[in-house]
Amino acid sequence: MTETNLPNDEFPIQGRLAGIDFGTVRIGVAVTDPDRHLASPYEIYQRRGPAADAEYFQRLVREERIAGFVVGLPVHASGEESQKSAEARAFGDWLRTLTGRPVQYYDERYTSVLAEQFLLEAKMTSKRRKARLDKVAAQLILAAYLESSHRRQPESL
C-alpha cells in the first residue's frame, strides 16, 4: 500500500483523521484517536442520496472533530488507477468541498482481502463478517496511512 496525495493538500499534523473505504452503496468509516496512535473501526454508512450523505459527513466532522480524511484509492495490482479510482477521487473532492477538510488518498490494494482474513480468523459468521467488513477495511487503510506517516516524521529524542 502506498500513499498518493494531491500536491496542493495542506494536511494537518494534529487532530483526528477519518479513514474512508469508498463504495457506491456502503462506505466504511474508521477514525483515529486525537494523538493518531490508533485507528479504530467506526461504522458502515449506507448511502442514502446526496443530501443525506452530506448531512452524515458534516455531522461526522462536527461530532468527532475530524481534521482530515484518508480515502482509500482502489488501484489495479500493477498500481494503475481504474474507474473506481476516479470515483474514489471524485468522492474525496466532494468531501473536501463539503466539509472544508483536506483529503489524502491511500492505496487500498488488498485491504478488503486482509479485512476478510481478520474476520475469518475471529471465527465470525458470514453475516457478522459482512456487517463489519467495510469498516475494518477502512481501519486497515487508516492504520497503514498512520504507519507510513510516522516513518516520514523525524524521531524526537
C-alpha atoms as a PDB file:
ATOM      1  CA  MET A   1       0.000   0.000   0.000  1.00  0.00           C
ATOM      2  CA  THR A   2       1.285   3.441  -0.826  1.00  0.00           C
ATOM      3  CA  GLU A   3       0.237   6.990  -0.240  1.00  0.00           C
ATOM      4  CA  THR A   4      -0.977   9.080  -3.144  1.00  0.00           C
ATOM      5  CA  ASN A   5      -1.530  12.724  -2.321  1.00  0.00           C
ATOM      6  CA  LEU A   6      -2.556  15.758  -4.231  1.00  0.00           C
ATOM      7  CA  PRO A   7       0.406  18.171  -4.156  1.00  0.00           C
ATOM      8  CA  ASN A   8      -1.646  21.193  -3.030  1.00  0.00           C
ATOM      9  CA  ASP A   9      -3.133  19.481   0.019  1.00  0.00           C
ATOM     10  CA  GLU A  10      -2.249  21.074   3.326  1.00  0.00           C
ATOM     11  CA  PHE A  11      -2.770  18.091   5.574  1.00  0.00           C
ATOM     12  CA  PRO A  12      -2.928  18.778   9.331  1.00  0.00           C
ATOM     13  CA  ILE A  13      -0.294  17.153  11.503  1.00  0.00           C
ATOM     14  CA  GLN A  14      -2.609  17.077  14.526  1.00  0.00           C
ATOM     15  CA  GLY A  15      -6.218  16.112  15.141  1.00  0.00           C
ATOM     16  CA  ARG A  16      -8.391  13.118  14.420  1.00  0.00           C
ATOM     17  CA  LEU A  17      -8.490  11.587  10.976  1.00  0.00           C
ATOM     18  CA  ALA A  18     -11.280   9.619   9.347  1.00  0.00           C
ATOM     19  CA  GLY A  19     -10.409   6.732   7.057  1.00  0.00           C
ATOM     20  CA  ILE A  20     -12.808   6.014   4.225  1.00  0.00           C
ATOM     21  CA  ASP A  21     -13.328   2.736   2.363  1.00  0.00           C
ATOM     22  CA  PHE A  22     -15.353   4.188  -0.510  1.00  0.00           C
ATOM     23  CA  GLY A  23     -18.244   2.317  -2.048  1.00  0.00           C
ATOM     24  CA  THR A  24     -21.223   3.301  -4.143  1.00  0.00           C
ATOM     25  CA  VAL A  25     -23.659   1.552  -1.764  1.00  0.00           C
ATOM     26  CA  ARG A  26     -21.744   1.388   1.545  1.00  0.00           C
ATOM     27  CA  ILE A  27     -18.863   3.435   2.935  1.00  0.00           C
ATOM     28  CA  GLY A  28     -16.637   2.031   5.652  1.00  0.00           C
ATOM     29  CA  VAL A  29     -15.511   4.631   8.170  1.00  0.00           C
ATOM     30  CA  ALA A  30     -12.680   4.426  10.696  1.00  0.00           C
ATOM     31  CA  VAL A  31     -11.321   7.147  12.992  1.00  0.00           C
ATOM     32  CA  THR A  32      -8.109   7.814  14.859  1.00  0.00           C
ATOM     33  CA  ASP A  33      -7.676   8.892  18.431  1.00  0.00           C
ATOM     34  CA  PRO A  34      -6.724  12.595  18.819  1.00  0.00           C
ATOM     35  CA  ASP A  35      -2.996  11.717  19.027  1.00  0.00           C
ATOM     36  CA  ARG A  36      -3.180   9.456  15.948  1.00  0.00           C
ATOM     37  CA  HIS A  37      -1.773   6.412  17.671  1.00  0.00           C
ATOM     38  CA  LEU A  38      -4.717   4.109  16.901  1.00  0.00           C
ATOM     39  CA  ALA A  39      -7.156   3.616  14.055  1.00  0.00           C
ATOM     40  CA  SER A  40     -10.488   2.121  15.098  1.00  0.00           C
ATOM     41  CA  PRO A  41     -13.428   0.933  13.025  1.00  0.00           C
ATOM     42  CA  TYR A  42     -16.242   3.464  13.386  1.00  0.00           C
ATOM     43  CA  GLU A  43     -19.203   2.338  11.294  1.00  0.00           C
ATOM     44  CA  ILE A  44     -20.551   1.404   7.902  1.00  0.00           C
ATOM     45  CA  TYR A  45     -22.598   4.149   6.354  1.00  0.00           C
ATOM     46  CA  GLN A  46     -25.337   3.041   3.959  1.00  0.00           C
ATOM     47  CA  ARG A  47     -25.558   5.690   1.252  1.00  0.00           C
ATOM     48  CA  ARG A  48     -28.957   7.412   1.106  1.00  0.00           C
ATOM     49  CA  GLY A  49     -28.586  10.089  -1.553  1.00  0.00           C
ATOM     50  CA  PRO A  50     -26.664  13.372  -1.864  1.00  0.00           C
ATOM     51  CA  ALA A  51     -28.485  15.352   0.854  1.00  0.00           C
ATOM     52  CA  ALA A  52     -28.400  12.572   3.466  1.00  0.00           C
ATOM     53  CA  ASP A  53     -24.782  11.713   2.617  1.00  0.00           C
ATOM     54  CA  ALA A  54     -23.791  15.379   3.040  1.00  0.00           C
ATOM     55  CA  GLU A  55     -25.581  15.577   6.384  1.00  0.00           C
ATOM     56  CA  TYR A  56     -23.857  12.396   7.596  1.00  0.00           C
ATOM     57  CA  PHE A  57     -20.319  13.559   6.758  1.00  0.00           C
ATOM     58  CA  GLN A  58     -20.880  17.080   8.103  1.00  0.00           C
ATOM     59  CA  ARG A  59     -22.143  15.568  11.362  1.00  0.00           C
ATOM     60  CA  LEU A  60     -19.170  13.148  11.456  1.00  0.00           C
ATOM     61  CA  VAL A  61     -16.722  16.062  11.133  1.00  0.00           C
ATOM     62  CA  ARG A  62     -18.526  18.090  13.783  1.00  0.00           C
ATOM     63  CA  GLU A  63     -19.159  15.334  16.360  1.00  0.00           C
ATOM     64  CA  GLU A  64     -15.835  13.506  16.000  1.00  0.00           C
ATOM     65  CA  ARG A  65     -13.784  16.691  15.406  1.00  0.00           C
ATOM     66  CA  ILE A  66     -12.280  15.325  12.195  1.00  0.00           C
ATOM     67  CA  ALA A  67      -9.261  17.306  10.955  1.00  0.00           C
ATOM     68  CA  GLY A  68      -8.809  15.426   7.667  1.00  0.00           C
ATOM     69  CA  PHE A  69      -9.792  12.396   5.602  1.00  0.00           C
ATOM     70  CA  VAL A  70      -7.774   9.486   4.239  1.00  0.00           C
ATOM     71  CA  VAL A  71      -9.691   7.968   1.333  1.00  0.00           C
ATOM     72  CA  GLY A  72      -8.758   4.508   0.111  1.00  0.00           C
ATOM     73  CA  LEU A  73      -7.779   4.565  -3.537  1.00  0.00           C
ATOM     74  CA  PRO A  74      -8.622   1.334  -5.374  1.00  0.00           C
ATOM     75  CA  VAL A  75      -5.894   0.576  -7.901  1.00  0.00           C
ATOM     76  CA  HIS A  76      -5.035  -2.458 -10.002  1.00  0.00           C
ATOM     77  CA  ALA A  77      -2.347  -4.869  -8.795  1.00  0.00           C
ATOM     78  CA  SER A  78       0.029  -3.108 -11.212  1.00  0.00           C
ATOM     79  CA  GLY A  79      -0.561   0.200  -9.402  1.00  0.00           C
ATOM     80  CA  GLU A  80      -2.508   1.672 -12.330  1.00  0.00           C
ATOM     81  CA  GLU A  81      -5.631   3.620 -11.453  1.00  0.00           C
ATOM     82  CA  SER A  82      -9.044   2.348 -12.504  1.00  0.00           C
ATOM     83  CA  GLN A  83     -12.578   3.678 -12.991  1.00  0.00           C
ATOM     84  CA  LYS A  84     -13.137   3.005  -9.276  1.00  0.00           C
ATOM     85  CA  SER A  85     -10.054   5.144  -8.535  1.00  0.00           C
ATOM     86  CA  ALA A  86     -11.672   8.033 -10.410  1.00  0.00           C
ATOM     87  CA  GLU A  87     -14.897   7.534  -8.430  1.00  0.00           C
ATOM     88  CA  ALA A  88     -12.975   7.497  -5.126  1.00  0.00           C
ATOM     89  CA  ARG A  89     -11.111  10.689  -6.132  1.00  0.00           C
ATOM     90  CA  ALA A  90     -14.399  12.380  -7.091  1.00  0.00           C
ATOM     91  CA  PHE A  91     -15.816  11.368  -3.696  1.00  0.00           C
ATOM     92  CA  GLY A  92     -12.735  12.742  -1.933  1.00  0.00           C
ATOM     93  CA  ASP A  93     -13.071  16.020  -3.839  1.00  0.00           C
ATOM     94  CA  TRP A  94     -16.732  16.163  -2.797  1.00  0.00           C
ATOM     95  CA  LEU A  95     -15.743  15.526   0.864  1.00  0.00           C
ATOM     96  CA  ARG A  96     -13.116  18.293   0.716  1.00  0.00           C
ATOM     97  CA  THR A  97     -15.608  20.791  -0.736  1.00  0.00           C
ATOM     98  CA  LEU A  98     -18.432  19.741   1.595  1.00  0.00           C
ATOM     99  CA  THR A  99     -16.510  19.720   4.880  1.00  0.00           C
ATOM    100  CA  GLY A 100     -13.609  22.088   4.234  1.00  0.00           C
ATOM    101  CA  ARG A 101     -11.279  19.338   5.485  1.00  0.00           C
ATOM    102  CA  PRO A 102      -8.257  18.190   3.474  1.00  0.00           C
ATOM    103  CA  VAL A 103      -8.181  14.767   1.854  1.00  0.00           C
ATOM    104  CA  GLN A 104      -5.307  12.424   1.129  1.00  0.00           C
ATOM    105  CA  TYR A 105      -5.597   9.227  -0.871  1.00  0.00           C
ATOM    106  CA  TYR A 106      -4.003   5.965   0.156  1.00  0.00           C
ATOM    107  CA  ASP A 107      -3.546   2.817  -1.926  1.00  0.00           C
ATOM    108  CA  GLU A 108      -6.083   0.319  -0.638  1.00  0.00           C
ATOM    109  CA  ARG A 109      -4.937  -2.757  -2.548  1.00  0.00           C
ATOM    110  CA  TYR A 110      -5.775  -5.930  -0.651  1.00  0.00           C
ATOM    111  CA  THR A 111      -7.413  -4.204   2.336  1.00  0.00           C
ATOM    112  CA  SER A 112     -10.750  -5.959   1.791  1.00  0.00           C
ATOM    113  CA  VAL A 113      -8.946  -9.298   1.485  1.00  0.00           C
ATOM    114  CA  LEU A 114      -6.990  -8.624   4.706  1.00  0.00           C
ATOM    115  CA  ALA A 115     -10.127  -7.472   6.499  1.00  0.00           C
ATOM    116  CA  GLU A 116     -11.930 -10.651   5.443  1.00  0.00           C
ATOM    117  CA  GLN A 117      -8.971 -12.743   6.717  1.00  0.00           C
ATOM    118  CA  PHE A 118      -9.022 -10.995  10.101  1.00  0.00           C
ATOM    119  CA  LEU A 119     -12.754 -11.542  10.456  1.00  0.00           C
ATOM    120  CA  LEU A 120     -12.474 -15.201   9.406  1.00  0.00           C
ATOM    121  CA  GLU A 121      -9.731 -15.730  11.978  1.00  0.00           C
ATOM    122  CA  ALA A 122     -12.056 -14.235  14.585  1.00  0.00           C
ATOM    123  CA  LYS A 123     -14.445 -17.096  13.746  1.00  0.00           C
ATOM    124  CA  MET A 124     -17.293 -14.754  12.849  1.00  0.00           C
ATOM    125  CA  THR A 125     -20.317 -15.958  10.948  1.00  0.00           C
ATOM    126  CA  SER A 126     -20.759 -14.827   7.355  1.00  0.00           C
ATOM    127  CA  LYS A 127     -23.480 -12.394   8.431  1.00  0.00           C
ATOM    128  CA  ARG A 128     -21.303 -10.824  11.150  1.00  0.00           C
ATOM    129  CA  ARG A 129     -18.306 -10.590   8.775  1.00  0.00           C
ATOM    130  CA  LYS A 130     -20.409  -8.800   6.151  1.00  0.00           C
ATOM    131  CA  ALA A 131     -21.683  -6.372   8.803  1.00  0.00           C
ATOM    132  CA  ARG A 132     -18.094  -5.406   9.717  1.00  0.00           C
ATOM    133  CA  LEU A 133     -16.041  -5.797   6.541  1.00  0.00           C
ATOM    134  CA  ASP A 134     -16.143  -2.230   5.183  1.00  0.00           C
ATOM    135  CA  LYS A 135     -15.321  -0.534   8.486  1.00  0.00           C
ATOM    136  CA  VAL A 136     -12.459  -2.964   9.145  1.00  0.00           C
ATOM    137  CA  ALA A 137     -11.142  -2.251   5.622  1.00  0.00           C
ATOM    138  CA  ALA A 138     -11.333   1.488   6.459  1.00  0.00           C
ATOM    139  CA  GLN A 139      -9.423   0.788   9.680  1.00  0.00           C
ATOM    140  CA  LEU A 140      -6.676  -1.028   7.747  1.00  0.00           C
ATOM    141  CA  ILE A 141      -6.375   1.855   5.253  1.00  0.00           C
ATOM    142  CA  LEU A 142      -6.121   4.366   8.082  1.00  0.00           C
ATOM    143  CA  ALA A 143      -3.684   2.255  10.137  1.00  0.00           C
ATOM    144  CA  ALA A 144      -1.406   1.808   7.098  1.00  0.00           C
ATOM    145  CA  TYR A 145      -1.542   5.555   6.445  1.00  0.00           C
ATOM    146  CA  LEU A 146      -0.619   6.287  10.082  1.00  0.00           C
ATOM    147  CA  GLU A 147       2.283   3.847   9.906  1.00  0.00           C
ATOM    148  CA  SER A 148       3.610   5.393   6.696  1.00  0.00           C
ATOM    149  CA  SER A 149       3.262   8.952   8.007  1.00  0.00           C
ATOM    150  CA  HIS A 150       5.085   8.076  11.259  1.00  0.00           C
ATOM    151  CA  ARG A 151       8.004   6.681   9.270  1.00  0.00           C
ATOM    152  CA  ARG A 152       8.383  10.023   7.465  1.00  0.00           C
ATOM    153  CA  GLN A 153       8.490  12.090  10.655  1.00  0.00           C
ATOM    154  CA  PRO A 154      11.851  12.571  12.395  1.00  0.00           C
ATOM    155  CA  GLU A 155      12.293  10.746  15.661  1.00  0.00           C
ATOM    156  CA  SER A 156      12.101  13.020  18.691  1.00  0.00           C
ATOM    157  CA  LEU A 157      14.667  12.499  21.442  1.00  0.00           C
END
